[in-house]
Amino acid sequence: MSELQLAGDGPVARCRHCGKPAVGPCARCRAPVCGDCCVLTDGGATTFAVCVACERRGGASLRGAWLGMLGWLAVIVVVLAALGIALALLT
């Protein structure tokens, strides 16, 4: 038996791309990736790892995700403001 099995550790997550032991999840697709199969992000408050497949599709920047979130927040604020104005006009 190996040392890991004797220590009582659970199963090791494997990289989605190469099968090596994973170091963490991709920031976009949440798939486990190893250090060789990920790219560090830029443009965020914190550095995240993005797998090579997600990096090919959208780059290593999370700027689009942040802008999408801010867009949804803006829509919610506009809807709430419109409801407030409508209620003020009804009274």
PDB file of N, CA and C in Angstrom:
ATOM      1  N   MET A   1       0.842  -1.187   0.000  1.00  0.00           N
ATOM      2  CA  MET A   1       0.000   0.000   0.000  1.00  0.00           C
ATOM      3  C   MET A   1       0.878   1.238   0.000  1.00  0.00           C
ATOM      4  N   SER A   2       0.392   2.278  -0.635  1.00  0.00           N
ATOM      5  CA  SER A   2       1.181   3.506  -0.679  1.00  0.00           C
ATOM      6  C   SER A   2       1.009   4.283   0.611  1.00  0.00           C
ATOM      7  N   GLU A   3       1.840   5.276   0.787  1.00  0.00           N
ATOM      8  CA  GLU A   3       1.805   6.101   1.986  1.00  0.00           C
ATOM      9  C   GLU A   3       0.487   6.875   2.096  1.00  0.00           C
ATOM     10  N   LEU A   4      -0.060   7.317   0.963  1.00  0.00           N
ATOM     11  CA  LEU A   4      -1.324   8.056   0.983  1.00  0.00           C
ATOM     12  C   LEU A   4      -2.479   7.171   1.429  1.00  0.00           C
ATOM     13  N   GLN A   5      -2.477   5.931   1.019  1.00  0.00           N
ATOM     14  CA  GLN A   5      -3.553   5.025   1.418  1.00  0.00           C
ATOM     15  C   GLN A   5      -3.468   4.710   2.907  1.00  0.00           C
ATOM     16  N   LEU A   6      -2.262   4.609   3.454  1.00  0.00           N
ATOM     17  CA  LEU A   6      -2.112   4.335   4.874  1.00  0.00           C
ATOM     18  C   LEU A   6      -2.532   5.525   5.719  1.00  0.00           C
ATOM     19  N   ALA A   7      -2.363   6.730   5.192  1.00  0.00           N
ATOM     20  CA  ALA A   7      -2.713   7.927   5.945  1.00  0.00           C
ATOM     21  C   ALA A   7      -4.218   8.124   6.009  1.00  0.00           C
ATOM     22  N   GLY A   8      -4.985   7.393   5.224  1.00  0.00           N
ATOM     23  CA  GLY A   8      -6.431   7.510   5.258  1.00  0.00           C
ATOM     24  C   GLY A   8      -6.972   8.619   4.367  1.00  0.00           C
ATOM     25  N   ASP A   9      -6.151   9.123   3.481  1.00  0.00           N
ATOM     26  CA  ASP A   9      -6.620  10.166   2.564  1.00  0.00           C
ATOM     27  C   ASP A   9      -7.619   9.591   1.580  1.00  0.00           C
ATOM     28  N   GLY A  10      -8.531  10.438   1.127  1.00  0.00           N
ATOM     29  CA  GLY A  10      -9.521  10.016   0.150  1.00  0.00           C
ATOM     30  C   GLY A  10      -8.930   9.981  -1.242  1.00  0.00           C
ATOM     31  N   PRO A  11      -9.761   9.771  -2.235  1.00  0.00           N
ATOM     32  CA  PRO A  11      -9.279   9.724  -3.618  1.00  0.00           C
ATOM     33  C   PRO A  11      -8.740  11.087  -4.060  1.00  0.00           C
ATOM     34  N   VAL A  12      -7.768  11.054  -4.938  1.00  0.00           N
ATOM     35  CA  VAL A  12      -7.132  12.272  -5.436  1.00  0.00           C
ATOM     36  C   VAL A  12      -7.857  12.722  -6.704  1.00  0.00           C
ATOM     37  N   ALA A  13      -8.216  14.002  -6.768  1.00  0.00           N
ATOM     38  CA  ALA A  13      -8.835  14.539  -7.984  1.00  0.00           C
ATOM     39  C   ALA A  13      -7.787  14.568  -9.091  1.00  0.00           C
ATOM     40  N   ARG A  14      -8.188  14.218 -10.284  1.00  0.00           N
ATOM     41  CA  ARG A  14      -7.282  14.164 -11.432  1.00  0.00           C
ATOM     42  C   ARG A  14      -7.592  15.298 -12.391  1.00  0.00           C
ATOM     43  N   CYS A  15      -6.558  15.785 -13.054  1.00  0.00           N
ATOM     44  CA  CYS A  15      -6.695  16.854 -14.049  1.00  0.00           C
ATOM     45  C   CYS A  15      -7.576  16.374 -15.200  1.00  0.00           C
ATOM     46  N   ARG A  16      -8.454  17.228 -15.634  1.00  0.00           N
ATOM     47  CA  ARG A  16      -9.369  16.899 -16.729  1.00  0.00           C
ATOM     48  C   ARG A  16      -8.625  16.707 -18.048  1.00  0.00           C
ATOM     49  N   HIS A  17      -7.485  17.337 -18.202  1.00  0.00           N
ATOM     50  CA  HIS A  17      -6.784  17.334 -19.485  1.00  0.00           C
ATOM     51  C   HIS A  17      -5.696  16.269 -19.590  1.00  0.00           C
ATOM     52  N   CYS A  18      -4.912  16.078 -18.507  1.00  0.00           N
ATOM     53  CA  CYS A  18      -3.771  15.164 -18.625  1.00  0.00           C
ATOM     54  C   CYS A  18      -3.796  14.009 -17.627  1.00  0.00           C
ATOM     55  N   GLY A  19      -4.628  14.056 -16.615  1.00  0.00           N
ATOM     56  CA  GLY A  19      -4.723  12.961 -15.660  1.00  0.00           C
ATOM     57  C   GLY A  19      -3.795  13.062 -14.465  1.00  0.00           C
ATOM     58  N   LYS A  20      -2.945  14.084 -14.384  1.00  0.00           N
ATOM     59  CA  LYS A  20      -2.087  14.271 -13.214  1.00  0.00           C
ATOM     60  C   LYS A  20      -2.953  14.688 -12.026  1.00  0.00           C
ATOM     61  N   PRO A  21      -2.425  14.604 -10.805  1.00  0.00           N
ATOM     62  CA  PRO A  21      -3.191  15.091  -9.651  1.00  0.00           C
ATOM     63  C   PRO A  21      -3.511  16.582  -9.800  1.00  0.00           C
ATOM     64  N   ALA A  22      -4.756  16.935  -9.557  1.00  0.00           N
ATOM     65  CA  ALA A  22      -5.202  18.323  -9.732  1.00  0.00           C
ATOM     66  C   ALA A  22      -4.779  19.177  -8.543  1.00  0.00           C
ATOM     67  N   VAL A  23      -4.543  20.457  -8.806  1.00  0.00           N
ATOM     68  CA  VAL A  23      -4.201  21.395  -7.747  1.00  0.00           C
ATOM     69  C   VAL A  23      -5.383  22.284  -7.381  1.00  0.00           C
ATOM     70  N   GLY A  24      -6.419  22.289  -8.207  1.00  0.00           N
ATOM     71  CA  GLY A  24      -7.600  23.096  -7.916  1.00  0.00           C
ATOM     72  C   GLY A  24      -8.533  23.147  -9.104  1.00  0.00           C
ATOM     73  N   PRO A  25      -9.680  23.833  -8.939  1.00  0.00           N
ATOM     74  CA  PRO A  25     -10.658  23.910 -10.026  1.00  0.00           C
ATOM     75  C   PRO A  25     -10.397  25.091 -10.964  1.00  0.00           C
ATOM     76  N   CYS A  26     -10.877  24.957 -12.186  1.00  0.00           N
ATOM     77  CA  CYS A  26     -10.846  26.059 -13.152  1.00  0.00           C
ATOM     78  C   CYS A  26     -11.840  27.117 -12.675  1.00  0.00           C
ATOM     79  N   ALA A  27     -11.495  28.388 -12.814  1.00  0.00           N
ATOM     80  CA  ALA A  27     -12.368  29.468 -12.359  1.00  0.00           C
ATOM     81  C   ALA A  27     -13.619  29.599 -13.222  1.00  0.00           C
ATOM     82  N   ARG A  28     -13.614  29.079 -14.427  1.00  0.00           N
ATOM     83  CA  ARG A  28     -14.782  29.193 -15.305  1.00  0.00           C
ATOM     84  C   ARG A  28     -15.642  27.939 -15.292  1.00  0.00           C
ATOM     85  N   CYS A  29     -15.059  26.783 -15.608  1.00  0.00           N
ATOM     86  CA  CYS A  29     -15.857  25.556 -15.754  1.00  0.00           C
ATOM     87  C   CYS A  29     -15.836  24.689 -14.504  1.00  0.00           C
ATOM     88  N   ARG A  30     -15.031  25.042 -13.505  1.00  0.00           N
ATOM     89  CA  ARG A  30     -14.929  24.338 -12.234  1.00  0.00           C
ATOM     90  C   ARG A  30     -14.362  22.923 -12.353  1.00  0.00           C
ATOM     91  N   ALA A  31     -13.785  22.567 -13.483  1.00  0.00           N
ATOM     92  CA  ALA A  31     -13.166  21.253 -13.665  1.00  0.00           C
ATOM     93  C   ALA A  31     -11.812  21.238 -12.959  1.00  0.00           C
ATOM     94  N   PRO A  32     -11.412  20.109 -12.376  1.00  0.00           N
ATOM     95  CA  PRO A  32     -10.099  20.037 -11.733  1.00  0.00           C
ATOM     96  C   PRO A  32      -8.976  20.107 -12.774  1.00  0.00           C
ATOM     97  N   VAL A  33      -7.952  20.905 -12.481  1.00  0.00           N
ATOM     98  CA  VAL A  33      -6.809  21.047 -13.395  1.00  0.00           C
ATOM     99  C   VAL A  33      -5.510  20.992 -12.605  1.00  0.00           C
ATOM    100  N   CYS A  34      -4.444  20.557 -13.276  1.00  0.00           N
ATOM    101  CA  CYS A  34      -3.112  20.548 -12.665  1.00  0.00           C
ATOM    102  C   CYS A  34      -2.417  21.872 -12.982  1.00  0.00           C
ATOM    103  N   GLY A  35      -1.265  22.064 -12.409  1.00  0.00           N
ATOM    104  CA  GLY A  35      -0.526  23.303 -12.627  1.00  0.00           C
ATOM    105  C   GLY A  35      -0.019  23.482 -14.045  1.00  0.00           C
ATOM    106  N   ASP A  36       0.172  22.389 -14.774  1.00  0.00           N
ATOM    107  CA  ASP A  36       0.661  22.470 -16.150  1.00  0.00           C
ATOM    108  C   ASP A  36      -0.451  22.782 -17.149  1.00  0.00           C
ATOM    109  N   CYS A  37      -1.694  22.498 -16.795  1.00  0.00           N
ATOM    110  CA  CYS A  37      -2.819  22.655 -17.727  1.00  0.00           C
ATOM    111  C   CYS A  37      -3.690  23.868 -17.403  1.00  0.00           C
ATOM    112  N   CYS A  38      -3.125  24.851 -16.707  1.00  0.00           N
ATOM    113  CA  CYS A  38      -3.912  26.041 -16.398  1.00  0.00           C
ATOM    114  C   CYS A  38      -3.090  27.299 -16.666  1.00  0.00           C
ATOM    115  N   VAL A  39      -3.805  28.403 -16.814  1.00  0.00           N
ATOM    116  CA  VAL A  39      -3.213  29.714 -17.040  1.00  0.00           C
ATOM    117  C   VAL A  39      -3.753  30.624 -15.958  1.00  0.00           C
ATOM    118  N   LEU A  40      -2.911  31.485 -15.395  1.00  0.00           N
ATOM    119  CA  LEU A  40      -3.376  32.410 -14.372  1.00  0.00           C
ATOM    120  C   LEU A  40      -4.114  33.576 -15.018  1.00  0.00           C
ATOM    121  N   THR A  41      -5.186  34.022 -14.371  1.00  0.00           N
ATOM    122  CA  THR A  41      -6.015  35.100 -14.914  1.00  0.00           C
ATOM    123  C   THR A  41      -5.376  36.454 -14.678  1.00  0.00           C
ATOM    124  N   ASP A  42      -5.883  37.437 -15.396  1.00  0.00           N
ATOM    125  CA  ASP A  42      -5.494  38.820 -15.155  1.00  0.00           C
ATOM    126  C   ASP A  42      -6.741  39.682 -15.228  1.00  0.00           C
ATOM    127  N   GLY A  43      -6.701  40.853 -14.612  1.00  0.00           N
ATOM    128  CA  GLY A  43      -7.836  41.764 -14.664  1.00  0.00           C
ATOM    129  C   GLY A  43      -8.830  41.581 -13.539  1.00  0.00           C
ATOM    130  N   GLY A  44      -8.495  40.832 -12.518  1.00  0.00           N
ATOM    131  CA  GLY A  44      -9.394  40.623 -11.399  1.00  0.00           C
ATOM    132  C   GLY A  44      -8.753  41.076 -10.100  1.00  0.00           C
ATOM    133  N   ALA A  45      -9.516  41.065  -9.027  1.00  0.00           N
ATOM    134  CA  ALA A  45      -8.981  41.446  -7.727  1.00  0.00           C
ATOM    135  C   ALA A  45      -8.047  40.365  -7.191  1.00  0.00           C
ATOM    136  N   THR A  46      -8.305  39.119  -7.554  1.00  0.00           N
ATOM    137  CA  THR A  46      -7.506  37.978  -7.127  1.00  0.00           C
ATOM    138  C   THR A  46      -7.091  37.189  -8.362  1.00  0.00           C
ATOM    139  N   THR A  47      -5.983  36.504  -8.268  1.00  0.00           N
ATOM    140  CA  THR A  47      -5.528  35.668  -9.374  1.00  0.00           C
ATOM    141  C   THR A  47      -6.186  34.299  -9.283  1.00  0.00           C
ATOM    142  N   PHE A  48      -6.788  33.850 -10.370  1.00  0.00           N
ATOM    143  CA  PHE A  48      -7.430  32.541 -10.453  1.00  0.00           C
ATOM    144  C   PHE A  48      -6.779  31.734 -11.559  1.00  0.00           C
ATOM    145  N   ALA A  49      -6.964  30.418 -11.502  1.00  0.00           N
ATOM    146  CA  ALA A  49      -6.463  29.534 -12.547  1.00  0.00           C
ATOM    147  C   ALA A  49      -7.600  29.215 -13.515  1.00  0.00           C
ATOM    148  N   VAL A  50      -7.319  29.305 -14.813  1.00  0.00           N
ATOM    149  CA  VAL A  50      -8.285  28.983 -15.866  1.00  0.00           C
ATOM    150  C   VAL A  50      -7.669  27.862 -16.690  1.00  0.00           C
ATOM    151  N   CYS A  51      -8.448  26.796 -16.960  1.00  0.00           N
ATOM    152  CA  CYS A  51      -7.903  25.670 -17.717  1.00  0.00           C
ATOM    153  C   CYS A  51      -7.617  26.094 -19.162  1.00  0.00           C
ATOM    154  N   VAL A  52      -6.793  25.321 -19.834  1.00  0.00           N
ATOM    155  CA  VAL A  52      -6.368  25.680 -21.188  1.00  0.00           C
ATOM    156  C   VAL A  52      -7.546  25.685 -22.168  1.00  0.00           C
ATOM    157  N   ALA A  53      -8.547  24.830 -21.954  1.00  0.00           N
ATOM    158  CA  ALA A  53      -9.710  24.820 -22.848  1.00  0.00           C
ATOM    159  C   ALA A  53     -10.513  26.113 -22.706  1.00  0.00           C
ATOM    160  N   CYS A  54     -10.735  26.563 -21.486  1.00  0.00           N
ATOM    161  CA  CYS A  54     -11.465  27.821 -21.272  1.00  0.00           C
ATOM    162  C   CYS A  54     -10.635  29.011 -21.741  1.00  0.00           C
ATOM    163  N   GLU A  55      -9.324  28.921 -21.600  1.00  0.00           N
ATOM    164  CA  GLU A  55      -8.444  30.003 -22.042  1.00  0.00           C
ATOM    165  C   GLU A  55      -8.494  30.131 -23.557  1.00  0.00           C
ATOM    166  N   ARG A  56      -8.580  29.005 -24.276  1.00  0.00           N
ATOM    167  CA  ARG A  56      -8.693  29.051 -25.734  1.00  0.00           C
ATOM    168  C   ARG A  56     -10.012  29.674 -26.171  1.00  0.00           C
ATOM    169  N   ARG A  57     -11.072  29.394 -25.428  1.00  0.00           N
ATOM    170  CA  ARG A  57     -12.394  29.925 -25.791  1.00  0.00           C
ATOM    171  C   ARG A  57     -12.546  31.401 -25.479  1.00  0.00           C
ATOM    172  N   GLY A  58     -12.034  31.856 -24.329  1.00  0.00           N
ATOM    173  CA  GLY A  58     -12.302  33.242 -23.955  1.00  0.00           C
ATOM    174  C   GLY A  58     -11.134  34.013 -23.404  1.00  0.00           C
ATOM    175  N   GLY A  59      -9.945  33.487 -23.460  1.00  0.00           N
ATOM    176  CA  GLY A  59      -8.793  34.183 -22.925  1.00  0.00           C
ATOM    177  C   GLY A  59      -8.661  33.979 -21.432  1.00  0.00           C
ATOM    178  N   ALA A  60      -7.595  34.516 -20.868  1.00  0.00           N
ATOM    179  CA  ALA A  60      -7.316  34.335 -19.447  1.00  0.00           C
ATOM    180  C   ALA A  60      -7.912  35.440 -18.599  1.00  0.00           C
ATOM    181  N   SER A  61      -8.593  36.387 -19.202  1.00  0.00           N
ATOM    182  CA  SER A  61      -9.159  37.496 -18.450  1.00  0.00           C
ATOM    183  C   SER A  61     -10.578  37.167 -17.992  1.00  0.00           C
ATOM    184  N   LEU A  62     -10.922  37.601 -16.806  1.00  0.00           N
ATOM    185  CA  LEU A  62     -12.279  37.441 -16.277  1.00  0.00           C
ATOM    186  C   LEU A  62     -13.079  38.730 -16.425  1.00  0.00           C
ATOM    187  N   ARG A  63     -12.592  39.659 -17.223  1.00  0.00           N
ATOM    188  CA  ARG A  63     -13.252  40.949 -17.395  1.00  0.00           C
ATOM    189  C   ARG A  63     -14.681  40.796 -17.906  1.00  0.00           C
ATOM    190  N   GLY A  64     -14.918  39.892 -18.846  1.00  0.00           N
ATOM    191  CA  GLY A  64     -16.269  39.672 -19.368  1.00  0.00           C
ATOM    192  C   GLY A  64     -17.225  39.196 -18.291  1.00  0.00           C
ATOM    193  N   ALA A  65     -16.753  38.325 -17.420  1.00  0.00           N
ATOM    194  CA  ALA A  65     -17.596  37.840 -16.325  1.00  0.00           C
ATOM    195  C   ALA A  65     -17.941  38.963 -15.361  1.00  0.00           C
ATOM    196  N   TRP A  66     -16.978  39.809 -15.043  1.00  0.00           N
ATOM    197  CA  TRP A  66     -17.244  40.942 -14.152  1.00  0.00           C
ATOM    198  C   TRP A  66     -18.215  41.923 -14.800  1.00  0.00           C
ATOM    199  N   LEU A  67     -18.054  42.199 -16.078  1.00  0.00           N
ATOM    200  CA  LEU A  67     -18.970  43.114 -16.758  1.00  0.00           C
ATOM    201  C   LEU A  67     -20.379  42.538 -16.840  1.00  0.00           C
ATOM    202  N   GLY A  68     -20.486  41.237 -17.033  1.00  0.00           N
ATOM    203  CA  GLY A  68     -21.794  40.591 -17.042  1.00  0.00           C
ATOM    204  C   GLY A  68     -22.494  40.713 -15.691  1.00  0.00           C
ATOM    205  N   MET A  69     -21.739  40.519 -14.628  1.00  0.00           N
ATOM    206  CA  MET A  69     -22.312  40.652 -13.291  1.00  0.00           C
ATOM    207  C   MET A  69     -22.751  42.091 -13.021  1.00  0.00           C
ATOM    208  N   LEU A  70     -21.934  43.048 -13.407  1.00  0.00           N
ATOM    209  CA  LEU A  70     -22.309  44.457 -13.215  1.00  0.00           C
ATOM    210  C   LEU A  70     -23.526  44.825 -14.064  1.00  0.00           C
ATOM    211  N   GLY A  71     -23.653  44.231 -15.240  1.00  0.00           N
ATOM    212  CA  GLY A  71     -24.828  44.462 -16.083  1.00  0.00           C
ATOM    213  C   GLY A  71     -26.096  43.958 -15.424  1.00  0.00           C
ATOM    214  N   TRP A  72     -26.036  42.750 -14.850  1.00  0.00           N
ATOM    215  CA  TRP A  72     -27.210  42.219 -14.144  1.00  0.00           C
ATOM    216  C   TRP A  72     -27.571  43.091 -12.953  1.00  0.00           C
ATOM    217  N   LEU A  73     -26.588  43.567 -12.214  1.00  0.00           N
ATOM    218  CA  LEU A  73     -26.873  44.458 -11.088  1.00  0.00           C
ATOM    219  C   LEU A  73     -27.508  45.759 -11.566  1.00  0.00           C
ATOM    220  N   ALA A  74     -27.051  46.284 -12.684  1.00  0.00           N
ATOM    221  CA  ALA A  74     -27.628  47.517 -13.230  1.00  0.00           C
ATOM    222  C   ALA A  74     -29.086  47.305 -13.632  1.00  0.00           C
ATOM    223  N   VAL A  75     -29.396  46.153 -14.214  1.00  0.00           N
ATOM    224  CA  VAL A  75     -30.782  45.851 -14.596  1.00  0.00           C
ATOM    225  C   VAL A  75     -31.664  45.793 -13.353  1.00  0.00           C
ATOM    226  N   ILE A  76     -31.185  45.170 -12.292  1.00  0.00           N
ATOM    227  CA  ILE A  76     -31.959  45.081 -11.055  1.00  0.00           C
ATOM    228  C   ILE A  76     -32.200  46.462 -10.468  1.00  0.00           C
ATOM    229  N   VAL A  77     -31.186  47.320 -10.462  1.00  0.00           N
ATOM    230  CA  VAL A  77     -31.332  48.679  -9.926  1.00  0.00           C
ATOM    231  C   VAL A  77     -32.337  49.474 -10.757  1.00  0.00           C
ATOM    232  N   VAL A  78     -32.287  49.357 -12.073  1.00  0.00           N
ATOM    233  CA  VAL A  78     -33.221  50.089 -12.933  1.00  0.00           C
ATOM    234  C   VAL A  78     -34.653  49.609 -12.706  1.00  0.00           C
ATOM    235  N   VAL A  79     -34.861  48.301 -12.570  1.00  0.00           N
ATOM    236  CA  VAL A  79     -36.208  47.772 -12.321  1.00  0.00           C
ATOM    237  C   VAL A  79     -36.725  48.252 -10.971  1.00  0.00           C
ATOM    238  N   LEU A  80     -35.890  48.228  -9.938  1.00  0.00           N
ATOM    239  CA  LEU A  80     -36.322  48.711  -8.624  1.00  0.00           C
ATOM    240  C   LEU A  80     -36.620  50.208  -8.640  1.00  0.00           C
ATOM    241  N   ALA A  81     -35.831  50.984  -9.367  1.00  0.00           N
ATOM    242  CA  ALA A  81     -36.090  52.419  -9.476  1.00  0.00           C
ATOM    243  C   ALA A  81     -37.405  52.676 -10.204  1.00  0.00           C
ATOM    244  N   ALA A  82     -37.671  51.907 -11.250  1.00  0.00           N
ATOM    245  CA  ALA A  82     -38.932  52.063 -11.975  1.00  0.00           C
ATOM    246  C   ALA A  82     -40.116  51.697 -11.090  1.00  0.00           C
ATOM    247  N   LEU A  83     -39.996  50.653 -10.292  1.00  0.00           N
ATOM    248  CA  LEU A  83     -41.060  50.300  -9.359  1.00  0.00           C
ATOM    249  C   LEU A  83     -41.275  51.389  -8.315  1.00  0.00           C
ATOM    250  N   GLY A  84     -40.198  51.957  -7.819  1.00  0.00           N
ATOM    251  CA  GLY A  84     -40.310  53.054  -6.849  1.00  0.00           C
ATOM    252  C   GLY A  84     -40.993  54.269  -7.437  1.00  0.00           C
ATOM    253  N   ILE A  85     -40.655  54.617  -8.668  1.00  0.00           N
ATOM    254  CA  ILE A  85     -41.301  55.768  -9.337  1.00  0.00           C
ATOM    255  C   ILE A  85     -42.777  55.477  -9.578  1.00  0.00           C
ATOM    256  N   ALA A  86     -43.084  54.249  -9.995  1.00  0.00           N
ATOM    257  CA  ALA A  86     -44.488  53.888 -10.249  1.00  0.00           C
ATOM    258  C   ALA A  86     -45.295  53.937  -8.954  1.00  0.00           C
ATOM    259  N   LEU A  87     -44.723  53.479  -7.859  1.00  0.00           N
ATOM    260  CA  LEU A  87     -45.438  53.535  -6.581  1.00  0.00           C
ATOM    261  C   LEU A  87     -45.610  54.969  -6.123  1.00  0.00           C
ATOM    262  N   ALA A  88     -44.611  55.817  -6.370  1.00  0.00           N
ATOM    263  CA  ALA A  88     -44.706  57.222  -5.965  1.00  0.00           C
ATOM    264  C   ALA A  88     -45.786  57.936  -6.779  1.00  0.00           C
ATOM    265  N   LEU A  89     -45.939  57.586  -8.045  1.00  0.00           N
ATOM    266  CA  LEU A  89     -46.960  58.209  -8.890  1.00  0.00           C
ATOM    267  C   LEU A  89     -48.365  57.731  -8.518  1.00  0.00           C
ATOM    268  N   LEU A  90     -48.494  56.530  -8.013  1.00  0.00           N
ATOM    269  CA  LEU A  90     -49.806  55.994  -7.636  1.00  0.00           C
ATOM    270  C   LEU A  90     -50.324  56.588  -6.333  1.00  0.00           C
ATOM    271  N   THR A  91     -49.460  57.083  -5.477  1.00  0.00           N
ATOM    272  CA  THR A  91     -49.908  57.638  -4.200  1.00  0.00           C
ATOM    273  C   THR A  91     -50.126  59.121  -4.239  1.00  0.00           C
TER     274      THR A  91
END
